[in-house]
N, C-alpha and C. Protein backbone atom coordinates (compact mmCIF):
# COMPACT_ATOMS: atom_id res chain seq x y z
N MET A 1 81.72 123.61 98.65
CA MET A 1 82.07 122.07 98.72
C MET A 1 83.49 123.29 98.56
N LYS A 2 84.33 121.92 99.34
CA LYS A 2 86.03 122.06 99.33
C LYS A 2 86.25 121.81 98.01
N ARG A 3 87.72 122.16 97.83
CA ARG A 3 88.57 121.19 96.84
C ARG A 3 89.69 120.66 97.65
N ARG A 4 89.90 119.45 98.15
CA ARG A 4 91.37 119.71 99.06
C ARG A 4 91.99 118.84 98.29
N ASN A 5 93.18 118.12 98.98
CA ASN A 5 94.06 116.89 99.19
C ASN A 5 94.06 116.83 97.22
N VAL A 6 94.62 117.89 96.83
CA VAL A 6 95.16 117.85 95.58
C VAL A 6 96.12 117.04 95.32
N VAL A 7 95.72 116.32 94.01
CA VAL A 7 97.58 115.26 93.97
C VAL A 7 97.85 116.44 92.84
N LYS A 8 99.82 115.88 93.06
CA LYS A 8 100.42 116.90 92.09
C LYS A 8 100.79 115.89 90.73
N TRP A 9 100.10 115.86 90.16
CA TRP A 9 100.65 114.84 89.32
C TRP A 9 100.84 115.78 88.04
N GLY A 10 101.41 115.53 87.01
CA GLY A 10 101.16 116.63 85.88
C GLY A 10 102.49 116.95 85.15
N LEU A 11 102.84 116.92 84.06
CA LEU A 11 103.72 117.73 83.45
C LEU A 11 103.58 118.56 82.95
N CYS A 12 103.91 119.89 83.81
CA CYS A 12 103.34 121.34 83.49
C CYS A 12 104.53 121.90 82.74
N ALA A 13 105.79 121.25 82.35
CA ALA A 13 106.71 121.45 81.20
C ALA A 13 105.61 120.99 79.54
N GLY A 14 104.61 120.74 79.61
CA GLY A 14 104.06 120.39 78.33
C GLY A 14 104.34 118.50 78.23
N GLY A 15 105.14 118.20 78.90
CA GLY A 15 104.81 116.55 78.48
C GLY A 15 105.96 116.47 77.81
N LEU A 16 105.18 116.88 76.37
CA LEU A 16 106.14 116.55 75.16
C LEU A 16 107.01 117.61 74.84
N GLY A 17 107.35 118.35 75.80
CA GLY A 17 108.87 119.02 75.57
C GLY A 17 108.93 119.95 76.08
N LEU A 18 109.80 121.07 76.48
CA LEU A 18 109.67 122.29 76.85
C LEU A 18 109.56 123.31 76.30
N MET A 19 109.43 122.88 75.12
CA MET A 19 108.71 123.79 73.83
C MET A 19 110.11 125.12 73.82
N GLY A 20 111.06 125.34 74.69
CA GLY A 20 111.97 126.25 74.60
C GLY A 20 111.58 127.33 75.50
N GLN A 21 110.23 127.48 75.65
CA GLN A 21 109.48 129.06 76.17
C GLN A 21 109.55 128.81 77.63
N ALA A 22 110.05 127.45 78.17
CA ALA A 22 109.77 127.53 80.06
C ALA A 22 111.26 128.30 79.98
N VAL A 23 111.03 129.42 79.75
CA VAL A 23 112.06 130.29 80.98
C VAL A 23 112.46 130.53 82.10
N ALA A 24 113.62 131.18 82.39
CA ALA A 24 113.71 131.20 84.20
C ALA A 24 113.97 129.58 84.31
N GLN A 25 113.67 128.70 84.08
CA GLN A 25 113.56 127.42 84.62
C GLN A 25 114.88 126.60 83.82
N SER A 26 115.86 125.80 84.28
CA SER A 26 116.83 124.86 83.85
C SER A 26 116.10 124.08 83.50
N VAL A 27 116.20 122.51 82.79
CA VAL A 27 115.54 121.81 82.19
C VAL A 27 115.42 120.67 83.58
N ARG A 28 116.70 120.74 84.55
CA ARG A 28 116.78 120.01 85.64
C ARG A 28 115.60 120.31 86.75
N ASP A 29 115.94 121.78 86.61
CA ASP A 29 114.81 122.30 87.62
C ASP A 29 113.30 122.18 87.27
N THR A 30 113.39 122.02 85.98
CA THR A 30 111.76 121.97 85.45
C THR A 30 111.12 120.09 85.65
N VAL A 31 112.18 119.57 85.45
CA VAL A 31 112.04 117.90 85.29
C VAL A 31 111.49 118.14 86.74
N ARG A 32 112.84 118.19 87.91
CA ARG A 32 112.49 118.17 89.09
C ARG A 32 110.90 118.72 89.54
N ASP A 33 110.37 119.53 89.37
CA ASP A 33 109.77 120.52 89.76
C ASP A 33 108.14 120.07 89.37
N THR A 34 108.53 119.07 88.31
CA THR A 34 107.27 118.25 87.78
C THR A 34 107.16 117.41 87.90
N VAL A 35 107.92 116.71 88.31
CA VAL A 35 107.71 114.96 88.62
C VAL A 35 106.82 114.48 89.73
N PRO A 36 105.66 113.77 89.05
CA PRO A 36 104.73 113.63 90.16
C PRO A 36 104.96 113.02 91.61
N GLN A 37 103.97 113.31 92.32
CA GLN A 37 104.23 113.09 93.63
C GLN A 37 102.63 111.85 94.18
N VAL A 38 102.56 110.55 93.80
CA VAL A 38 101.56 109.99 93.99
C VAL A 38 100.95 110.14 95.47
N GLN A 39 99.92 110.99 95.33
CA GLN A 39 99.12 110.49 96.60
C GLN A 39 97.86 110.41 96.53
N PRO A 40 96.80 110.32 97.45
CA PRO A 40 95.44 110.29 97.46
C PRO A 40 94.78 111.36 96.83
N ALA A 41 93.62 111.63 96.20
CA ALA A 41 93.19 112.81 95.53
C ALA A 41 92.08 113.17 96.52
N LEU A 42 90.93 113.64 95.75
CA LEU A 42 89.93 113.59 96.47
C LEU A 42 89.42 112.64 97.20
N SER A 43 88.90 112.60 98.30
CA SER A 43 88.25 111.41 99.01
C SER A 43 87.55 111.75 99.64
N GLY A 44 86.39 110.81 99.78
CA GLY A 44 85.35 110.98 101.03
C GLY A 44 85.17 109.61 101.80
N GLU A 45 84.27 109.76 103.14
CA GLU A 45 83.60 108.97 103.68
C GLU A 45 83.01 107.27 103.13
N GLY A 46 83.56 106.73 102.93
CA GLY A 46 83.00 105.26 102.53
C GLY A 46 83.25 103.94 103.08
N PRO A 47 82.89 102.95 102.55
CA PRO A 47 83.69 101.32 103.24
C PRO A 47 84.85 100.99 102.75
N PRO A 48 85.84 100.55 103.75
CA PRO A 48 87.11 100.01 103.29
C PRO A 48 86.94 99.22 102.11
N PRO A 49 87.86 99.26 101.53
CA PRO A 49 88.25 98.35 100.62
C PRO A 49 87.78 96.93 100.39
N GLY A 50 86.56 96.61 99.60
CA GLY A 50 86.92 95.02 99.89
C GLY A 50 85.43 95.08 100.89
N ALA A 51 84.71 96.01 101.25
CA ALA A 51 83.63 95.68 102.29
C ALA A 51 82.31 95.43 101.88
N SER A 52 82.48 96.31 100.47
CA SER A 52 81.10 95.68 99.93
C SER A 52 80.93 94.63 99.44
N LEU A 53 79.44 94.35 98.84
CA LEU A 53 79.14 92.88 99.17
C LEU A 53 78.99 93.12 97.09
N PRO A 54 79.00 91.46 96.37
CA PRO A 54 78.87 91.82 95.09
C PRO A 54 77.37 92.36 94.79
N GLY A 55 77.53 93.20 93.72
CA GLY A 55 76.43 93.85 93.23
C GLY A 55 75.96 95.11 94.36
N GLN A 56 76.55 95.37 94.92
CA GLN A 56 76.45 96.35 95.82
C GLN A 56 77.68 98.01 95.06
N THR A 57 77.44 99.04 95.07
CA THR A 57 78.33 100.20 95.13
C THR A 57 79.53 100.54 95.59
N ARG A 58 80.67 100.36 95.32
CA ARG A 58 81.75 100.27 96.16
C ARG A 58 82.04 101.99 95.92
N THR A 59 82.78 102.33 97.11
CA THR A 59 83.75 103.65 96.80
C THR A 59 84.68 103.54 97.09
N ILE A 60 85.86 103.76 95.91
CA ILE A 60 87.06 103.62 95.60
C ILE A 60 87.53 105.22 95.77
N GLY A 61 89.25 105.27 95.86
CA GLY A 61 89.85 106.27 96.06
C GLY A 61 90.75 106.07 94.65
N TRP A 62 91.45 107.16 94.08
CA TRP A 62 92.18 107.02 92.74
C TRP A 62 93.17 106.32 92.97
N GLU A 63 93.85 106.02 94.14
CA GLU A 63 95.11 104.96 94.20
C GLU A 63 94.76 103.68 93.60
N GLN A 64 93.43 103.43 94.06
CA GLN A 64 93.31 101.91 93.74
C GLN A 64 92.63 101.58 91.81
N LEU A 65 93.17 102.65 91.02
CA LEU A 65 92.62 102.50 89.65
C LEU A 65 94.18 102.55 89.05
N ILE A 66 95.44 102.82 90.08
CA ILE A 66 96.93 101.79 89.41
C ILE A 66 96.95 100.66 90.13
N PRO A 67 97.68 100.08 89.06
CA PRO A 67 98.00 98.68 89.30
C PRO A 67 98.68 98.49 90.21
N PRO A 68 98.99 97.35 91.31
CA PRO A 68 100.55 97.12 92.06
C PRO A 68 101.33 97.34 91.31
N GLY A 69 102.56 97.98 91.76
CA GLY A 69 103.82 97.93 91.42
C GLY A 69 104.04 99.01 90.19
N TRP A 70 102.76 99.39 89.74
CA TRP A 70 103.58 100.46 88.41
C TRP A 70 104.29 102.05 88.62
N ASP A 71 105.19 102.54 88.17
CA ASP A 71 105.86 103.16 88.67
C ASP A 71 105.60 104.33 87.76
N PRO A 72 104.97 105.41 87.85
CA PRO A 72 104.97 106.52 86.75
C PRO A 72 106.09 107.12 86.31
N TYR A 73 107.05 107.17 87.13
CA TYR A 73 108.35 108.17 86.79
C TYR A 73 109.73 106.91 86.42
N LYS A 74 109.45 105.83 86.14
CA LYS A 74 110.78 105.21 85.98
C LYS A 74 111.70 105.47 85.05
N ASP A 75 111.17 106.36 84.40
CA ASP A 75 112.22 106.79 82.93
C ASP A 75 112.77 107.83 83.82
N LEU A 76 112.64 108.76 84.48
CA LEU A 76 113.42 109.66 85.13
C LEU A 76 114.35 109.18 85.68
N LYS A 77 114.15 107.82 86.78
CA LYS A 77 115.04 107.75 87.40
C LYS A 77 116.59 107.58 87.26
N ALA A 78 116.74 107.36 86.12
CA ALA A 78 118.14 107.21 85.31
C ALA A 78 119.10 108.10 85.42
N LEU A 79 117.97 108.98 85.76
CA LEU A 79 118.59 110.45 85.33
C LEU A 79 119.54 111.24 86.74
N ASN A 80 120.46 111.81 86.31
CA ASN A 80 120.82 112.15 87.59
C ASN A 80 120.81 113.95 87.62
N LEU A 81 119.55 114.36 88.08
CA LEU A 81 119.15 115.65 87.55
C LEU A 81 120.11 116.81 87.96
N ASP A 82 120.86 116.30 89.04
CA ASP A 82 121.81 117.53 89.74
C ASP A 82 122.96 118.00 88.55
N LYS A 83 123.03 117.01 87.47
CA LYS A 83 124.29 117.27 87.09
C LYS A 83 123.60 117.16 85.45
N LEU A 84 122.74 117.35 85.21
CA LEU A 84 122.16 117.54 83.70
C LEU A 84 122.22 119.42 83.51
N LYS A 85 122.92 119.90 81.98
CA LYS A 85 122.66 121.34 82.13
C LYS A 85 121.31 121.53 81.42
N ASP A 86 121.28 123.06 81.17
CA ASP A 86 120.26 123.89 80.82
C ASP A 86 119.93 123.00 79.68
N ASN A 87 118.75 122.20 78.99
CA ASN A 87 118.46 121.62 77.37
C ASN A 87 119.01 120.85 77.43
N ASP A 88 119.19 119.72 78.34
CA ASP A 88 119.67 118.94 78.18
C ASP A 88 119.19 117.71 77.67
N PRO A 89 119.66 117.16 76.40
CA PRO A 89 118.22 116.26 75.36
C PRO A 89 117.98 115.66 76.13
N ARG A 90 118.71 114.58 77.03
CA ARG A 90 118.62 113.26 77.74
C ARG A 90 117.14 113.82 79.01
N ALA A 91 116.84 114.75 79.50
CA ALA A 91 116.10 115.56 80.09
C ALA A 91 114.53 115.36 79.26
N GLU A 92 114.89 116.24 78.14
CA GLU A 92 113.72 116.52 76.89
C GLU A 92 113.13 114.72 76.65
N GLU A 93 114.09 114.01 76.58
CA GLU A 93 113.68 112.84 75.78
C GLU A 93 113.02 112.07 76.66
N ALA A 94 113.45 112.03 78.44
CA ALA A 94 112.42 111.62 79.51
C ALA A 94 111.38 111.87 79.40
N LEU A 95 111.02 113.17 79.32
CA LEU A 95 109.73 113.59 79.01
C LEU A 95 109.08 113.49 78.53
N LYS A 96 109.39 113.01 77.23
CA LYS A 96 109.01 112.75 75.92
C LYS A 96 108.46 111.02 75.91
N LYS A 97 109.07 110.50 77.07
CA LYS A 97 108.74 108.73 77.09
C LYS A 97 108.09 108.89 78.29
N MET A 98 108.04 109.66 79.26
CA MET A 98 107.03 109.78 80.22
C MET A 98 105.75 110.24 79.61
N ARG A 99 105.25 111.06 79.06
CA ARG A 99 104.42 111.31 78.12
C ARG A 99 103.58 110.21 77.48
N LYS A 100 104.48 109.33 77.03
CA LYS A 100 103.80 108.56 75.98
C LYS A 100 103.42 107.24 77.00
N MET A 101 104.47 107.12 78.02
CA MET A 101 104.02 106.09 79.01
C MET A 101 103.10 106.21 79.57
N TRP A 102 102.47 107.55 80.22
CA TRP A 102 101.37 107.94 80.74
C TRP A 102 99.94 107.51 80.34
N ASP A 103 100.26 107.97 78.63
CA ASP A 103 98.69 108.12 77.91
C ASP A 103 99.05 106.35 77.48
N ASN A 104 99.93 105.46 77.53
CA ASN A 104 99.58 103.83 77.73
C ASN A 104 99.36 103.72 79.57
N ALA A 105 99.21 104.25 80.03
CA ALA A 105 99.17 103.74 81.72
C ALA A 105 98.31 102.18 81.92
N PRO A 106 98.77 101.56 82.58
CA PRO A 106 98.03 99.99 82.66
C PRO A 106 96.59 100.61 83.71
N ILE A 107 96.06 100.05 83.39
CA ILE A 107 94.84 100.18 84.19
C ILE A 107 94.64 98.21 85.64
N ASN A 108 93.87 98.84 86.24
CA ASN A 108 93.90 97.88 87.80
C ASN A 108 92.80 96.70 87.27
N PRO A 109 93.51 95.38 86.67
CA PRO A 109 92.42 94.55 86.31
C PRO A 109 91.37 94.06 87.47
N LEU A 110 92.09 94.21 89.00
CA LEU A 110 91.39 93.79 90.14
C LEU A 110 89.78 94.23 90.77
N ILE A 111 89.72 95.43 89.82
CA ILE A 111 88.83 96.50 90.11
C ILE A 111 87.59 96.51 88.84
N LEU A 112 87.84 95.72 87.74
CA LEU A 112 87.22 96.22 86.29
C LEU A 112 85.45 95.48 86.75
N GLY A 113 84.64 95.70 86.16
CA GLY A 113 83.88 95.12 86.19
C GLY A 113 82.65 95.54 87.33
N GLN A 114 83.07 95.83 88.51
CA GLN A 114 82.26 96.50 89.84
C GLN A 114 81.34 97.78 89.59
N SER A 115 80.87 97.96 90.46
CA SER A 115 80.07 99.37 90.61
C SER A 115 80.31 100.19 91.76
N VAL A 116 81.50 101.36 91.14
CA VAL A 116 82.41 102.05 91.99
C VAL A 116 81.26 103.38 92.16
N ARG A 117 82.00 104.22 92.96
CA ARG A 117 81.50 105.63 93.48
C ARG A 117 82.95 106.14 93.78
N LEU A 118 83.17 107.62 92.77
CA LEU A 118 84.65 107.90 92.32
C LEU A 118 84.63 109.26 92.65
N PRO A 119 85.23 109.91 93.42
CA PRO A 119 84.88 111.52 93.23
C PRO A 119 86.21 111.82 92.38
N GLY A 120 86.22 113.01 92.36
CA GLY A 120 86.79 113.94 90.96
C GLY A 120 86.36 115.31 90.38
N PHE A 121 87.28 115.54 89.61
CA PHE A 121 87.09 117.15 89.14
C PHE A 121 86.30 116.94 87.50
N MET A 122 85.56 117.28 87.27
CA MET A 122 84.58 117.76 85.80
C MET A 122 85.43 118.15 84.76
N VAL A 123 85.63 117.71 83.38
CA VAL A 123 86.02 118.28 82.15
C VAL A 123 85.59 117.93 81.15
N PRO A 124 84.39 118.83 80.88
CA PRO A 124 83.37 118.43 79.94
C PRO A 124 84.08 118.37 78.71
N LEU A 125 83.22 117.46 77.99
CA LEU A 125 84.02 116.87 76.49
C LEU A 125 83.12 117.56 75.55
N GLU A 126 82.40 118.47 75.57
CA GLU A 126 81.50 118.98 74.52
C GLU A 126 80.56 120.13 75.56
N ASP A 127 80.23 120.94 74.45
CA ASP A 127 80.02 122.14 74.80
C ASP A 127 78.38 122.24 74.16
N LEU A 128 77.42 121.62 74.65
CA LEU A 128 76.00 121.68 73.77
C LEU A 128 74.91 122.55 73.93
N PRO A 129 73.85 123.21 73.72
CA PRO A 129 73.00 123.94 74.02
C PRO A 129 72.07 123.14 75.32
N GLU A 130 72.09 121.45 74.77
CA GLU A 130 71.54 120.96 76.10
C GLU A 130 72.26 120.56 77.39
N GLY A 131 73.39 120.74 76.86
CA GLY A 131 74.37 119.72 78.47
C GLY A 131 75.48 119.30 78.15
N SER A 132 76.29 118.82 79.04
CA SER A 132 77.33 117.84 78.90
C SER A 132 76.89 116.31 78.93
N LYS A 133 76.55 115.58 78.23
CA LYS A 133 76.59 114.01 78.19
C LYS A 133 77.79 112.95 78.59
N GLU A 134 78.91 113.69 78.21
CA GLU A 134 80.26 113.09 78.18
C GLU A 134 81.58 113.95 78.71
N PHE A 135 82.17 113.64 80.03
CA PHE A 135 83.17 114.62 80.40
C PHE A 135 84.08 113.41 81.42
N LEU A 136 85.64 114.06 81.43
CA LEU A 136 86.22 113.28 82.20
C LEU A 136 86.42 113.59 83.24
N LEU A 137 86.71 112.70 84.71
CA LEU A 137 86.62 112.93 85.44
C LEU A 137 88.02 112.24 85.93
N VAL A 138 88.98 113.81 86.88
CA VAL A 138 90.30 113.62 87.13
C VAL A 138 90.29 113.86 88.39
N PRO A 139 91.67 113.60 88.78
CA PRO A 139 91.55 113.59 90.41
C PRO A 139 92.48 114.87 90.75
N TYR A 140 92.61 115.67 90.09
CA TYR A 140 93.13 117.31 90.79
C TYR A 140 92.73 118.53 90.30
N PHE A 141 92.28 119.38 90.91
CA PHE A 141 91.92 120.36 90.03
C PHE A 141 92.54 121.07 88.76
N GLY A 142 92.25 121.27 87.99
CA GLY A 142 93.03 122.14 86.57
C GLY A 142 94.19 120.79 86.09
N ALA A 143 93.54 119.88 85.89
CA ALA A 143 93.95 118.90 85.07
C ALA A 143 93.35 118.60 84.08
N CYS A 144 94.41 118.74 82.93
CA CYS A 144 93.45 118.36 81.55
C CYS A 144 93.27 120.07 80.97
N VAL A 145 93.24 121.07 82.03
CA VAL A 145 92.93 122.36 81.20
C VAL A 145 93.72 123.29 81.63
N HIS A 146 94.20 123.82 82.72
CA HIS A 146 95.91 124.07 83.52
C HIS A 146 97.00 123.22 83.46
N SER A 147 97.02 122.18 83.27
CA SER A 147 98.18 121.52 83.47
C SER A 147 97.82 119.96 82.30
N PRO A 148 98.97 120.07 81.98
CA PRO A 148 98.80 118.63 80.66
C PRO A 148 98.12 117.39 81.42
N PRO A 149 97.42 116.72 80.89
CA PRO A 149 96.82 115.52 81.78
C PRO A 149 97.78 114.59 82.12
N PRO A 150 97.13 113.98 83.37
CA PRO A 150 97.72 113.13 84.34
C PRO A 150 97.60 111.37 83.48
N PRO A 151 98.43 110.59 83.92
CA PRO A 151 98.28 108.95 83.26
C PRO A 151 96.96 108.59 82.95
N ALA A 152 96.83 108.19 81.89
CA ALA A 152 95.63 107.10 81.29
C ALA A 152 94.71 106.62 82.59
N ASN A 153 95.30 106.04 83.43
CA ASN A 153 95.10 105.36 84.70
C ASN A 153 94.33 106.21 85.75
N GLN A 154 94.49 107.49 85.69
CA GLN A 154 93.86 108.82 86.66
C GLN A 154 93.34 109.31 85.87
N ILE A 155 92.66 108.88 84.49
CA ILE A 155 91.29 109.95 83.98
C ILE A 155 90.49 108.69 83.61
N VAL A 156 88.91 109.20 84.07
CA VAL A 156 87.81 108.11 83.49
C VAL A 156 86.81 109.58 82.65
N HIS A 157 86.70 108.23 81.68
CA HIS A 157 85.70 108.93 80.70
C HIS A 157 84.39 108.48 81.49
N VAL A 158 83.46 109.53 81.92
CA VAL A 158 81.79 109.23 81.91
C VAL A 158 80.84 109.47 80.90
N VAL A 159 80.26 108.77 80.96
CA VAL A 159 79.20 109.01 79.99
C VAL A 159 77.62 108.71 80.46
N LEU A 160 76.78 109.81 80.80
CA LEU A 160 75.65 109.72 80.94
C LEU A 160 74.54 109.07 80.05
N ASN A 161 73.33 108.93 80.79
CA ASN A 161 72.09 108.57 79.91
C ASN A 161 71.85 109.97 78.96
N LYS A 162 71.97 110.97 79.74
CA LYS A 162 71.37 111.68 79.09
C LYS A 162 71.88 113.12 79.51
N PRO A 163 71.93 114.64 78.40
CA PRO A 163 72.85 115.22 78.60
C PRO A 163 72.23 116.32 80.15
N THR A 164 73.12 116.60 80.93
CA THR A 164 72.55 117.45 81.79
C THR A 164 73.66 118.78 82.16
N LYS A 165 72.69 120.08 82.71
CA LYS A 165 73.39 121.34 82.96
C LYS A 165 73.83 121.88 83.78
N ARG A 166 73.74 121.07 84.60
CA ARG A 166 74.07 120.92 86.35
C ARG A 166 75.40 121.44 86.98
N PHE A 167 76.24 120.51 86.45
CA PHE A 167 77.69 121.09 86.49
C PHE A 167 78.13 121.60 85.53
N ARG A 168 79.38 122.30 85.80
CA ARG A 168 80.24 123.03 85.30
C ARG A 168 81.37 122.42 85.17
N LEU A 169 82.28 122.87 84.53
CA LEU A 169 83.85 122.69 84.40
C LEU A 169 84.80 122.94 85.50
N MET A 170 85.68 121.98 86.29
CA MET A 170 86.16 121.39 87.30
C MET A 170 85.28 121.65 88.73
N ASP A 171 84.14 121.72 88.00
CA ASP A 171 82.85 121.53 89.62
C ASP A 171 83.43 120.17 90.30
N THR A 172 83.39 119.69 91.04
CA THR A 172 83.90 118.18 92.30
C THR A 172 82.63 117.30 92.01
N LEU A 173 82.76 116.49 92.10
CA LEU A 173 81.42 115.63 91.74
C LEU A 173 81.43 113.98 92.24
N TRP A 174 80.61 113.19 92.72
CA TRP A 174 80.23 111.90 93.27
C TRP A 174 79.99 111.28 91.90
N VAL A 175 80.76 110.09 91.35
CA VAL A 175 80.49 109.44 89.97
C VAL A 175 79.87 108.01 90.11
N SER A 176 78.90 107.40 90.19
CA SER A 176 78.81 106.39 90.58
C SER A 176 78.17 105.37 89.24
N GLY A 177 78.81 103.85 88.91
CA GLY A 177 78.26 103.42 88.07
C GLY A 177 79.35 102.33 87.92
N PRO A 178 79.33 101.19 86.91
CA PRO A 178 80.17 100.31 86.23
C PRO A 178 81.41 100.73 85.37
N LEU A 179 82.38 100.41 86.14
CA LEU A 179 83.64 100.65 85.41
C LEU A 179 84.37 99.48 84.51
N SER A 180 84.73 100.30 83.69
CA SER A 180 85.13 98.93 82.58
C SER A 180 87.04 99.71 82.37
N ALA A 181 87.15 98.91 81.62
CA ALA A 181 88.76 99.09 80.77
C ALA A 181 88.19 99.69 79.19
N THR A 182 87.81 100.83 79.17
CA THR A 182 87.68 101.08 77.58
C THR A 182 88.32 102.71 77.58
N PRO A 183 89.49 102.59 76.76
CA PRO A 183 90.41 103.52 76.79
C PRO A 183 89.84 104.62 75.77
N THR A 184 90.14 105.79 76.09
CA THR A 184 89.37 107.05 75.05
C THR A 184 90.28 108.09 74.92
N ASP A 185 90.35 108.68 73.65
CA ASP A 185 91.53 109.56 73.04
C ASP A 185 90.79 110.39 72.70
N SER A 186 90.65 111.78 73.88
CA SER A 186 89.92 112.84 73.38
C SER A 186 91.30 114.05 73.24
N HIS A 187 90.61 114.90 73.31
CA HIS A 187 91.28 116.48 72.47
C HIS A 187 91.75 116.86 74.47
N MET A 188 90.98 116.33 75.42
CA MET A 188 91.72 116.87 76.44
C MET A 188 92.72 115.96 77.43
N GLY A 189 92.48 114.90 76.52
CA GLY A 189 93.39 113.93 77.54
C GLY A 189 92.98 112.23 77.02
N VAL A 190 93.99 111.40 77.20
CA VAL A 190 93.73 109.74 77.19
C VAL A 190 93.41 109.35 78.59
N SER A 191 91.82 108.62 78.45
CA SER A 191 91.61 107.93 79.82
C SER A 191 91.53 106.09 79.20
N GLY A 192 91.86 105.68 80.56
CA GLY A 192 91.84 104.49 80.14
C GLY A 192 90.66 103.65 81.14
N TYR A 193 89.89 104.20 81.56
CA TYR A 193 88.34 103.69 82.30
C TYR A 193 87.46 104.55 81.79
N ARG A 194 86.47 104.15 81.97
CA ARG A 194 85.12 104.60 81.84
C ARG A 194 83.93 104.04 82.57
N ILE A 195 83.14 105.07 83.26
CA ILE A 195 81.72 104.70 83.91
C ILE A 195 80.72 105.23 83.11
N GLU A 196 79.77 104.43 82.80
CA GLU A 196 78.40 104.64 82.75
C GLU A 196 77.71 104.86 83.52
N ALA A 197 77.43 106.40 83.76
CA ALA A 197 76.94 106.69 85.37
C ALA A 197 75.55 106.56 85.52
N LYS A 198 75.48 106.18 86.27
CA LYS A 198 73.86 105.63 86.92
C LYS A 198 73.54 107.14 87.74
N SER A 199 74.58 107.54 88.67
CA SER A 199 74.19 108.85 89.44
C SER A 199 75.30 109.62 89.28
N VAL A 200 75.17 110.73 89.53
CA VAL A 200 76.24 112.23 89.60
C VAL A 200 75.94 113.20 90.38
N THR A 201 76.41 113.29 91.58
CA THR A 201 75.94 114.48 92.60
C THR A 201 77.10 115.19 92.81
N PRO A 202 76.83 116.08 93.46
CA PRO A 202 78.11 117.03 93.76
C PRO A 202 79.11 116.60 94.85
N PHE A 203 80.04 116.85 94.72
CA PHE A 203 80.87 116.16 96.17
C PHE A 203 81.01 117.40 97.11
N VAL A 204 80.80 116.72 98.41
CA VAL A 204 80.84 117.31 99.47
C VAL A 204 81.60 116.66 100.58
N ASP A 205 82.37 117.59 101.27
CA ASP A 205 82.85 117.21 102.15
C ASP A 205 82.72 116.77 103.77
N LYS A 206 82.69 115.98 104.40
CA LYS A 206 81.85 115.51 105.71
C LYS A 206 83.24 115.97 106.45
N LYS A 207 82.46 116.87 107.58
CA LYS A 207 82.91 117.33 108.78
C LYS A 207 83.46 116.47 109.80
């Protein structure tokens, strides 16, 4: 199983501040290096957007969860990063605003209520003897675990009918089921979407 086409979303500086211990990097370098680049995440072969009929499961990509025209880094555009000094409060304030904006990122209403099939990485929300019944699906490796959470419209809360021990942290999966706008604020991140999973299978790249 390959893990490729990784999206570089995420505020590796911690989102809510540079903590003062982000040594060896100036604020402007930290901001520049951690501004996300909007790219497709995990992808798989499937029908083109809009190709499926009503009631059929539609294969989608993470970019389709973002509403048209939404800019995930608008608060940074007003900053001239090259002129900022180390520990400039303007940069720190911009990062705080950006984190707040990401946790309240808007969903795409055009895709709600559809039965979708989406690939992603698993972040369990519980560690029970019987397995996991709830987890977050994220678009790139390490999100919510090794790096801060992506925007809420790039996190999907997946709920299973019964717990499973088949999958583990950061396994790559296909998740299928109805998509709803049900915000969830968990200890691993804020999700803007939910899928009541009808099917969870390993993600496999087709050659």
